[in-house]
N, C-alpha and C. Protein backbone atom coordinates (compact mmCIF):
# COMPACT_ATOMS: atom_id res chain seq x y z
N UNK A 1 54.91 37.96 156.71
CA UNK A 1 54.76 36.83 155.84
C UNK A 1 53.50 37.05 155.00
N UNK A 2 53.70 36.84 153.68
CA UNK A 2 52.58 36.99 152.76
C UNK A 2 52.17 35.68 152.17
N UNK A 3 50.93 35.31 152.27
CA UNK A 3 50.44 34.15 151.68
C UNK A 3 49.44 34.55 150.62
N UNK A 4 49.59 33.99 149.45
CA UNK A 4 48.66 34.27 148.39
C UNK A 4 47.74 33.08 148.15
N UNK A 5 46.47 33.34 148.14
CA UNK A 5 45.49 32.30 147.93
C UNK A 5 45.50 31.95 146.43
N UNK A 6 45.70 30.67 146.08
CA UNK A 6 45.69 30.32 144.66
C UNK A 6 44.35 30.63 144.00
N UNK A 7 44.40 31.03 142.76
CA UNK A 7 43.20 31.49 142.00
C UNK A 7 42.13 30.39 142.02
N UNK A 8 42.51 29.19 141.99
CA UNK A 8 41.53 28.07 141.86
C UNK A 8 40.99 27.58 143.18
N UNK A 9 41.51 28.19 144.26
CA UNK A 9 41.00 27.81 145.62
C UNK A 9 39.56 28.14 145.80
N UNK A 10 38.75 27.21 146.33
CA UNK A 10 37.35 27.50 146.57
C UNK A 10 37.14 28.67 147.55
N UNK A 11 36.34 29.63 147.23
CA UNK A 11 36.27 30.80 148.11
C UNK A 11 34.84 31.41 148.07
N UNK A 12 34.54 32.19 149.08
CA UNK A 12 33.36 32.98 149.11
C UNK A 12 33.82 34.37 149.45
N UNK A 13 33.36 35.32 148.68
CA UNK A 13 33.75 36.72 148.83
C UNK A 13 32.75 37.45 149.74
N UNK A 14 33.23 38.10 150.76
CA UNK A 14 32.35 38.95 151.58
C UNK A 14 32.92 40.36 151.45
N UNK A 15 32.12 41.22 150.95
CA UNK A 15 32.55 42.61 150.67
C UNK A 15 31.87 43.59 151.64
N UNK A 16 32.71 44.48 152.20
CA UNK A 16 32.21 45.56 153.07
C UNK A 16 32.48 46.84 152.36
N UNK A 17 31.39 47.52 152.02
CA UNK A 17 31.55 48.84 151.32
C UNK A 17 31.69 49.97 152.28
N UNK A 18 32.05 51.12 151.73
CA UNK A 18 32.28 52.36 152.54
C UNK A 18 31.01 52.70 153.28
N UNK A 19 29.86 52.51 152.73
CA UNK A 19 28.55 52.86 153.30
C UNK A 19 28.01 51.85 154.30
N UNK A 20 28.82 50.77 154.53
CA UNK A 20 28.40 49.82 155.48
C UNK A 20 27.63 48.59 154.91
N UNK A 21 27.30 48.65 153.65
CA UNK A 21 26.59 47.56 153.06
C UNK A 21 27.51 46.33 152.93
N UNK A 22 26.97 45.14 153.11
CA UNK A 22 27.74 43.93 153.05
C UNK A 22 27.18 43.02 151.94
N UNK A 23 28.10 42.51 151.12
CA UNK A 23 27.66 41.60 150.06
C UNK A 23 28.33 40.24 150.30
N UNK A 24 27.61 39.18 150.02
CA UNK A 24 28.18 37.84 150.01
C UNK A 24 28.07 37.39 148.57
N UNK A 25 29.25 37.18 148.01
CA UNK A 25 29.39 36.82 146.54
C UNK A 25 28.46 37.66 145.71
N UNK A 26 28.54 39.00 145.85
CA UNK A 26 27.88 40.04 145.08
C UNK A 26 26.39 40.13 145.38
N UNK A 27 25.93 39.42 146.40
CA UNK A 27 24.49 39.56 146.83
C UNK A 27 24.42 40.40 148.08
N UNK A 28 23.64 41.45 148.03
CA UNK A 28 23.47 42.30 149.21
C UNK A 28 22.73 41.53 150.33
N UNK A 29 23.29 41.65 151.52
CA UNK A 29 22.64 41.00 152.68
C UNK A 29 22.32 42.11 153.69
N UNK A 30 21.07 42.32 153.99
CA UNK A 30 20.73 43.32 154.96
C UNK A 30 21.38 43.09 156.31
N UNK A 31 21.65 44.17 157.00
CA UNK A 31 22.33 44.10 158.32
C UNK A 31 21.65 43.13 159.27
N UNK A 32 20.39 43.16 159.33
CA UNK A 32 19.63 42.32 160.27
C UNK A 32 19.69 40.80 159.94
N UNK A 33 20.16 40.51 158.74
CA UNK A 33 20.23 39.08 158.30
C UNK A 33 21.71 38.58 158.30
N UNK A 34 22.63 39.42 158.59
CA UNK A 34 24.05 39.07 158.41
C UNK A 34 24.44 37.88 159.31
N UNK A 35 24.19 37.94 160.56
CA UNK A 35 24.60 36.85 161.47
C UNK A 35 24.02 35.53 161.04
N UNK A 36 22.78 35.49 160.60
CA UNK A 36 22.15 34.29 160.18
C UNK A 36 22.83 33.79 158.87
N UNK A 37 23.10 34.72 157.97
CA UNK A 37 23.76 34.36 156.70
C UNK A 37 25.17 33.78 156.96
N UNK A 38 25.89 34.39 157.90
CA UNK A 38 27.22 33.89 158.25
C UNK A 38 27.11 32.50 158.86
N UNK A 39 26.08 32.26 159.71
CA UNK A 39 25.91 30.94 160.25
C UNK A 39 25.56 29.90 159.17
N UNK A 40 24.79 30.32 158.22
CA UNK A 40 24.45 29.38 157.12
C UNK A 40 25.74 29.06 156.33
N UNK A 41 26.60 29.99 156.13
CA UNK A 41 27.86 29.67 155.45
C UNK A 41 28.69 28.68 156.21
N UNK A 42 28.70 28.85 157.52
CA UNK A 42 29.49 27.96 158.38
C UNK A 42 29.00 26.56 158.32
N UNK A 43 27.68 26.36 158.19
CA UNK A 43 27.15 24.98 158.11
C UNK A 43 27.13 24.40 156.73
N UNK A 44 27.26 25.31 155.70
CA UNK A 44 27.16 24.84 154.33
C UNK A 44 28.44 24.12 153.87
N UNK A 45 29.59 24.81 153.97
CA UNK A 45 30.81 24.28 153.45
C UNK A 45 32.00 24.92 154.10
N UNK A 46 32.64 24.27 155.02
CA UNK A 46 33.75 24.88 155.75
C UNK A 46 35.08 24.71 154.97
N UNK A 47 35.03 24.06 153.81
CA UNK A 47 36.23 23.92 153.00
C UNK A 47 36.61 25.16 152.22
N UNK A 48 35.62 26.06 152.03
CA UNK A 48 35.88 27.26 151.27
C UNK A 48 36.50 28.33 152.18
N UNK A 49 37.35 29.09 151.58
CA UNK A 49 38.00 30.20 152.29
C UNK A 49 37.10 31.44 152.11
N UNK A 50 36.87 32.13 153.21
CA UNK A 50 36.06 33.38 153.18
C UNK A 50 37.16 34.47 152.90
N UNK A 51 36.96 35.18 151.76
CA UNK A 51 37.82 36.29 151.40
C UNK A 51 37.09 37.57 151.77
N UNK A 52 37.61 38.32 152.71
CA UNK A 52 37.04 39.56 153.16
C UNK A 52 37.62 40.69 152.32
N UNK A 53 36.79 41.42 151.65
CA UNK A 53 37.15 42.57 150.87
C UNK A 53 36.50 43.80 151.49
N UNK A 54 37.29 44.79 151.78
CA UNK A 54 36.75 46.01 152.40
C UNK A 54 37.26 47.26 151.68
N UNK A 55 36.40 48.22 151.61
CA UNK A 55 36.76 49.50 150.98
C UNK A 55 37.93 50.08 151.75
N UNK A 56 38.94 50.55 151.05
CA UNK A 56 40.19 51.04 151.66
C UNK A 56 40.01 52.27 152.52
N UNK A 57 38.81 52.91 152.37
CA UNK A 57 38.55 54.12 153.17
C UNK A 57 38.02 53.80 154.55
N UNK A 58 37.60 52.57 154.79
CA UNK A 58 37.04 52.13 156.05
C UNK A 58 38.12 52.06 157.20
N UNK A 59 37.69 52.49 158.35
CA UNK A 59 38.60 52.33 159.49
C UNK A 59 38.86 50.85 159.78
N UNK A 60 40.02 50.54 160.19
CA UNK A 60 40.34 49.16 160.54
C UNK A 60 39.36 48.46 161.45
N UNK A 61 38.84 49.26 162.46
CA UNK A 61 37.92 48.70 163.42
C UNK A 61 36.69 48.11 162.81
N UNK A 62 36.21 48.69 161.65
CA UNK A 62 35.00 48.24 160.97
C UNK A 62 35.35 46.87 160.32
N UNK A 63 36.48 46.72 159.79
CA UNK A 63 36.86 45.44 159.18
C UNK A 63 37.06 44.36 160.29
N UNK A 64 37.65 44.83 161.35
CA UNK A 64 37.85 43.84 162.49
C UNK A 64 36.55 43.38 163.04
N UNK A 65 35.53 44.30 163.17
CA UNK A 65 34.24 43.83 163.66
C UNK A 65 33.59 42.80 162.71
N UNK A 66 33.76 43.03 161.42
CA UNK A 66 33.20 42.08 160.49
C UNK A 66 33.90 40.67 160.62
N UNK A 67 35.21 40.72 160.76
CA UNK A 67 35.96 39.44 160.96
C UNK A 67 35.53 38.78 162.25
N UNK A 68 35.31 39.52 163.27
CA UNK A 68 34.83 38.94 164.57
C UNK A 68 33.50 38.34 164.41
N UNK A 69 32.64 38.93 163.67
CA UNK A 69 31.25 38.35 163.42
C UNK A 69 31.38 37.07 162.64
N UNK A 70 32.28 37.04 161.71
CA UNK A 70 32.44 35.76 160.88
C UNK A 70 32.99 34.70 161.84
N UNK A 71 33.99 35.02 162.68
CA UNK A 71 34.54 34.03 163.55
C UNK A 71 33.49 33.54 164.57
N UNK A 72 32.65 34.43 165.06
CA UNK A 72 31.62 34.04 166.02
C UNK A 72 30.61 33.08 165.36
N UNK A 73 30.45 33.21 164.05
CA UNK A 73 29.51 32.29 163.36
C UNK A 73 30.16 30.91 163.11
N UNK A 74 31.45 30.78 163.40
CA UNK A 74 32.13 29.51 163.24
C UNK A 74 32.98 29.46 161.96
N UNK A 75 33.22 30.62 161.33
CA UNK A 75 34.03 30.66 160.15
C UNK A 75 35.43 31.03 160.57
N UNK A 76 36.38 30.15 160.34
CA UNK A 76 37.77 30.45 160.78
C UNK A 76 38.76 30.41 159.60
N UNK A 77 38.34 29.98 158.45
CA UNK A 77 39.21 29.96 157.29
C UNK A 77 38.98 31.31 156.53
N UNK A 78 39.68 32.28 157.03
CA UNK A 78 39.49 33.64 156.52
C UNK A 78 40.77 34.18 155.82
N UNK A 79 40.56 35.01 154.81
CA UNK A 79 41.65 35.70 154.19
C UNK A 79 41.24 37.16 153.94
N UNK A 80 42.15 38.08 154.02
CA UNK A 80 41.85 39.46 153.73
C UNK A 80 42.42 39.78 152.32
N UNK A 81 41.56 40.38 151.53
CA UNK A 81 41.99 40.79 150.21
C UNK A 81 42.78 42.10 150.33
N UNK A 82 43.82 42.23 149.51
CA UNK A 82 44.59 43.46 149.46
C UNK A 82 44.82 43.90 148.05
N UNK A 83 44.89 45.20 147.91
CA UNK A 83 45.12 45.77 146.60
C UNK A 83 46.54 46.31 146.58
N UNK A 84 47.33 45.83 145.61
CA UNK A 84 48.68 46.33 145.49
C UNK A 84 48.65 47.68 144.77
N UNK A 85 49.31 48.66 145.34
CA UNK A 85 49.35 49.97 144.69
C UNK A 85 50.83 50.33 144.38
N UNK A 86 50.99 50.92 143.24
CA UNK A 86 52.29 51.39 142.75
C UNK A 86 53.51 50.70 143.30
N UNK A 87 54.22 50.13 142.46
CA UNK A 87 55.45 49.45 142.90
C UNK A 87 56.68 50.27 142.53
């Protein structure tokens, strides 16, 4: 089943780069501050969907760990971004 998040839906982008750097809405967040930042997101506005964007070269386990950290912080409204390639 494929669900597409409407373009106008309120969201926060969390990006995981190939080198392990994490960005929240294009702002770099140091590793040691990630859990606190995720907790702050959870208390700020739970109506927004967290869209997880990960470099396609990353192993699935790295993406899964990030999602688990988000869930541990209390964020459950998550979506994974996907890039469509050649149709």
